[in-house]
C-alpha atoms as a PDB file:
ATOM      1  CA  MET A   1      23.975  30.295  -3.174  1.00  0.00           C
ATOM      2  CA  SER A   2      24.966  31.477  -6.616  1.00  0.00           C
ATOM      3  CA  TYR A   3      26.922  34.564  -7.624  1.00  0.00           C
ATOM      4  CA  ASN A   4      25.274  37.989  -7.597  1.00  0.00           C
ATOM      5  CA  PRO A   5      23.316  38.781 -10.785  1.00  0.00           C
ATOM      6  CA  LEU A   6      25.113  41.105 -13.204  1.00  0.00           C
ATOM      7  CA  ASN A   7      23.666  43.498 -15.750  1.00  0.00           C
ATOM      8  CA  SER A   8      24.939  43.337 -19.336  1.00  0.00           C
ATOM      9  CA  GLU A   9      27.672  45.976 -18.863  1.00  0.00           C
ATOM     10  CA  GLU A  10      28.925  44.376 -15.631  1.00  0.00           C
ATOM     11  CA  GLU A  11      29.002  40.997 -17.396  1.00  0.00           C
ATOM     12  CA  ARG A  12      30.935  42.512 -20.341  1.00  0.00           C
ATOM     13  CA  ILE A  13      33.628  43.714 -17.944  1.00  0.00           C
ATOM     14  CA  ILE A  14      33.722  40.994 -15.266  1.00  0.00           C
ATOM     15  CA  ILE A  15      33.106  37.869 -17.377  1.00  0.00           C
ATOM     16  CA  HIS A  16      34.318  38.952 -20.822  1.00  0.00           C
ATOM     17  CA  LYS A  17      37.297  41.016 -19.583  1.00  0.00           C
ATOM     18  CA  GLY A  18      36.102  44.373 -20.859  1.00  0.00           C
ATOM     19  CA  THR A  19      37.085  47.857 -19.724  1.00  0.00           C
ATOM     20  CA  GLU A  20      34.841  50.755 -18.777  1.00  0.00           C
ATOM     21  CA  GLN A  21      35.541  54.169 -20.254  1.00  0.00           C
ATOM     22  CA  PRO A  22      38.019  56.261 -18.203  1.00  0.00           C
ATOM     23  CA  PHE A  23      36.589  58.856 -15.808  1.00  0.00           C
ATOM     24  CA  THR A  24      33.085  57.312 -15.980  1.00  0.00           C
ATOM     25  CA  GLY A  25      33.173  54.861 -13.053  1.00  0.00           C
ATOM     26  CA  GLU A  26      31.267  55.625  -9.867  1.00  0.00           C
ATOM     27  CA  TYR A  27      34.319  54.971  -7.661  1.00  0.00           C
ATOM     28  CA  ASN A  28      37.001  56.898  -9.538  1.00  0.00           C
ATOM     29  CA  ASP A  29      36.679  59.960  -7.275  1.00  0.00           C
ATOM     30  CA  LEU A  30      35.310  58.254  -4.141  1.00  0.00           C
ATOM     31  CA  LYS A  31      37.172  59.251  -0.975  1.00  0.00           C
ATOM     32  CA  ALA A  32      34.991  57.523   1.678  1.00  0.00           C
ATOM     33  CA  THR A  33      36.321  54.970   4.159  1.00  0.00           C
ATOM     34  CA  GLY A  34      35.374  51.328   3.699  1.00  0.00           C
ATOM     35  CA  THR A  35      36.062  48.157   1.739  1.00  0.00           C
ATOM     36  CA  PHE A  36      35.741  47.356  -1.953  1.00  0.00           C
ATOM     37  CA  VAL A  37      34.321  43.875  -2.637  1.00  0.00           C
ATOM     38  CA  CYS A  38      33.922  41.898  -5.850  1.00  0.00           C
ATOM     39  CA  ARG A  39      30.609  42.825  -7.484  1.00  0.00           C
ATOM     40  CA  ARG A  40      30.107  39.220  -8.604  1.00  0.00           C
ATOM     41  CA  CYS A  41      30.857  37.311  -5.382  1.00  0.00           C
ATOM     42  CA  ASN A  42      31.366  39.826  -2.494  1.00  0.00           C
ATOM     43  CA  ASN A  43      35.006  38.787  -1.898  1.00  0.00           C
ATOM     44  CA  PRO A  44      36.772  41.684  -0.072  1.00  0.00           C
ATOM     45  CA  LEU A  45      39.475  43.003  -2.419  1.00  0.00           C
ATOM     46  CA  TYR A  46      40.696  46.455  -1.370  1.00  0.00           C
ATOM     47  CA  HIS A  47      40.618  48.766   1.645  1.00  0.00           C
ATOM     48  CA  SER A  48      39.921  52.438   0.977  1.00  0.00           C
ATOM     49  CA  ASP A  49      43.190  53.313   2.774  1.00  0.00           C
ATOM     50  CA  ASP A  50      45.035  51.818  -0.216  1.00  0.00           C
ATOM     51  CA  LYS A  51      43.133  53.884  -2.810  1.00  0.00           C
ATOM     52  CA  PHE A  52      44.895  56.867  -4.371  1.00  0.00           C
ATOM     53  CA  ASP A  53      44.344  59.339  -7.188  1.00  0.00           C
ATOM     54  CA  SER A  54      46.559  58.332 -10.092  1.00  0.00           C
ATOM     55  CA  GLY A  55      44.780  60.542 -12.631  1.00  0.00           C
ATOM     56  CA  CYS A  56      44.328  57.546 -14.967  1.00  0.00           C
ATOM     57  CA  GLY A  57      40.512  57.604 -14.938  1.00  0.00           C
ATOM     58  CA  TRP A  58      39.928  54.390 -12.999  1.00  0.00           C
ATOM     59  CA  PRO A  59      40.043  53.659  -9.264  1.00  0.00           C
ATOM     60  CA  SER A  60      43.664  52.967  -8.304  1.00  0.00           C
ATOM     61  CA  PHE A  61      44.974  51.006  -5.329  1.00  0.00           C
ATOM     62  CA  ASP A  62      48.571  50.359  -4.281  1.00  0.00           C
ATOM     63  CA  ASP A  63      47.773  47.211  -2.276  1.00  0.00           C
ATOM     64  CA  GLU A  64      45.171  44.448  -2.161  1.00  0.00           C
ATOM     65  CA  ILE A  65      43.706  42.375   0.653  1.00  0.00           C
ATOM     66  CA  THR A  66      46.236  39.555   0.897  1.00  0.00           C
ATOM     67  CA  GLY A  67      45.174  36.390  -0.919  1.00  0.00           C
ATOM     68  CA  ASN A  68      42.033  37.879  -2.479  1.00  0.00           C
ATOM     69  CA  VAL A  69      43.404  39.185  -5.793  1.00  0.00           C
ATOM     70  CA  LYS A  70      45.003  36.892  -8.353  1.00  0.00           C
ATOM     71  CA  ARG A  71      47.555  38.083 -10.938  1.00  0.00           C
ATOM     72  CA  VAL A  72      47.875  36.411 -14.347  1.00  0.00           C
ATOM     73  CA  PRO A  73      49.620  37.372 -17.601  1.00  0.00           C
ATOM     74  CA  ASP A  74      47.176  39.210 -19.880  1.00  0.00           C
ATOM     75  CA  ALA A  75      46.301  37.801 -23.295  1.00  0.00           C
ATOM     76  CA  ASP A  76      48.180  40.729 -24.887  1.00  0.00           C
ATOM     77  CA  GLY A  77      51.426  39.464 -23.315  1.00  0.00           C
ATOM     78  CA  ARG A  78      52.353  42.963 -22.102  1.00  0.00           C
ATOM     79  CA  ARG A  79      50.258  43.483 -18.986  1.00  0.00           C
ATOM     80  CA  ILE A  80      49.309  41.643 -15.812  1.00  0.00           C
ATOM     81  CA  GLU A  81      45.580  41.083 -15.396  1.00  0.00           C
ATOM     82  CA  ILE A  82      44.052  41.102 -11.911  1.00  0.00           C
ATOM     83  CA  LEU A  83      41.181  38.761 -11.061  1.00  0.00           C
ATOM     84  CA  CYS A  84      39.035  38.125  -8.023  1.00  0.00           C
ATOM     85  CA  GLY A  85      40.711  35.301  -6.115  1.00  0.00           C
ATOM     86  CA  ASN A  86      37.335  33.698  -5.375  1.00  0.00           C
ATOM     87  CA  CYS A  87      35.276  33.834  -8.597  1.00  0.00           C
ATOM     88  CA  GLY A  88      37.925  34.757 -11.191  1.00  0.00           C
ATOM     89  CA  GLY A  89      36.062  37.898 -12.249  1.00  0.00           C
ATOM     90  CA  HIS A  90      38.098  40.462 -14.217  1.00  0.00           C
ATOM     91  CA  LEU A  91      39.039  43.503 -12.121  1.00  0.00           C
ATOM     92  CA  GLY A  92      41.533  45.306 -14.376  1.00  0.00           C
ATOM     93  CA  HIS A  93      45.329  45.365 -14.554  1.00  0.00           C
ATOM     94  CA  VAL A  94      48.243  45.943 -12.205  1.00  0.00           C
ATOM     95  CA  PHE A  95      51.266  48.078 -13.039  1.00  0.00           C
ATOM     96  CA  SER A  96      54.520  48.611 -11.184  1.00  0.00           C
ATOM     97  CA  GLY A  97      57.405  51.024 -11.486  1.00  0.00           C
ATOM     98  CA  GLU A  98      55.293  54.157 -12.015  1.00  0.00           C
ATOM     99  CA  LYS A  99      56.296  55.742  -8.670  1.00  0.00           C
ATOM    100  CA  PHE A 100      52.806  57.029  -7.798  1.00  0.00           C
ATOM    101  CA  THR A 101      53.173  55.754  -4.210  1.00  0.00           C
ATOM    102  CA  GLU A 102      55.897  54.330  -1.983  1.00  0.00           C
ATOM    103  CA  LYS A 103      54.644  50.821  -2.785  1.00  0.00           C
ATOM    104  CA  ASN A 104      55.270  51.592  -6.493  1.00  0.00           C
ATOM    105  CA  THR A 105      52.216  49.554  -7.531  1.00  0.00           C
ATOM    106  CA  ARG A 106      48.947  50.589  -9.196  1.00  0.00           C
ATOM    107  CA  HIS A 107      45.945  48.297  -9.390  1.00  0.00           C
ATOM    108  CA  CYS A 108      43.837  49.906 -12.111  1.00  0.00           C
ATOM    109  CA  VAL A 109      40.315  48.630 -11.345  1.00  0.00           C
ATOM    110  CA  ASN A 110      37.008  48.963 -13.197  1.00  0.00           C
ATOM    111  CA  SER A 111      34.364  50.518 -10.924  1.00  0.00           C
ATOM    112  CA  LEU A 112      31.848  48.037 -12.345  1.00  0.00           C
ATOM    113  CA  SER A 113      33.992  45.126 -11.089  1.00  0.00           C
ATOM    114  CA  VAL A 114      33.616  46.164  -7.448  1.00  0.00           C
ATOM    115  CA  ARG A 115      31.074  47.422  -4.917  1.00  0.00           C
ATOM    116  CA  PHE A 116      31.918  49.778  -2.066  1.00  0.00           C
ATOM    117  CA  ILE A 117      30.855  48.876   1.466  1.00  0.00           C
ATOM    118  CA  PRO A 118      31.144  51.912   3.790  1.00  0.00           C
ATOM    119  CA  GLU A 119      32.992  51.521   7.090  1.00  0.00           C
ATOM    120  CA  GLY A 120      30.581  50.406   9.804  1.00  0.00           C
ATOM    121  CA  GLU A 121      28.404  48.355   7.444  1.00  0.00           C
ATOM    122  CA  GLU A 122      28.682  44.582   7.613  1.00  0.00           C
ATOM    123  CA  LEU A 123      30.470  43.027   4.653  1.00  0.00           C
ATOM    124  CA  PRO A 124      28.181  40.777   2.587  1.00  0.00           C
ATOM    125  CA  GLN A 125      28.633  37.017   2.674  1.00  0.00           C
ATOM    126  CA  ILE A 126      31.124  35.739   0.083  1.00  0.00           C
ATOM    127  CA  LYS A 127      29.327  33.682  -2.556  1.00  0.00           C
ATOM    128  CA  THR A 128      30.657  30.665  -4.411  1.00  0.00           C
ATOM    129  CA  GLU A 129      29.262  29.174  -7.594  1.00  0.00           C
ATOM    130  CA  ASP A 130      28.683  25.674  -6.229  1.00  0.00           C
ATOM    131  CA  GLU A 131      26.819  26.549  -3.042  1.00  0.00           C
END
């Protein structure tokens, strides 16, 4: 089983580490209950309970599903990039010290990097490249 197919804009963001324009993503204002999974491989990344409105223009989360999000220094040397822990797809960046929530963390995530699975729906099977 290979990864999910991506359109050109999804590939630009997930594979080539791009960024969608602020306030344009389908999940920026979403308030529904469920789980956000990696668009490329279906790895569960965030619970909707951890989503908050930061006003930055991208979906923001103050916690991730333990072990499913990887943090690495960004190429610019100033930020911390967040990647899917399964496929390595680019999600966005993580910031701390902004005091938006008690956890003092903001995962700034591209809507095109994730898919929302509403509560009550079965999560899709996680895909790996070599299956």
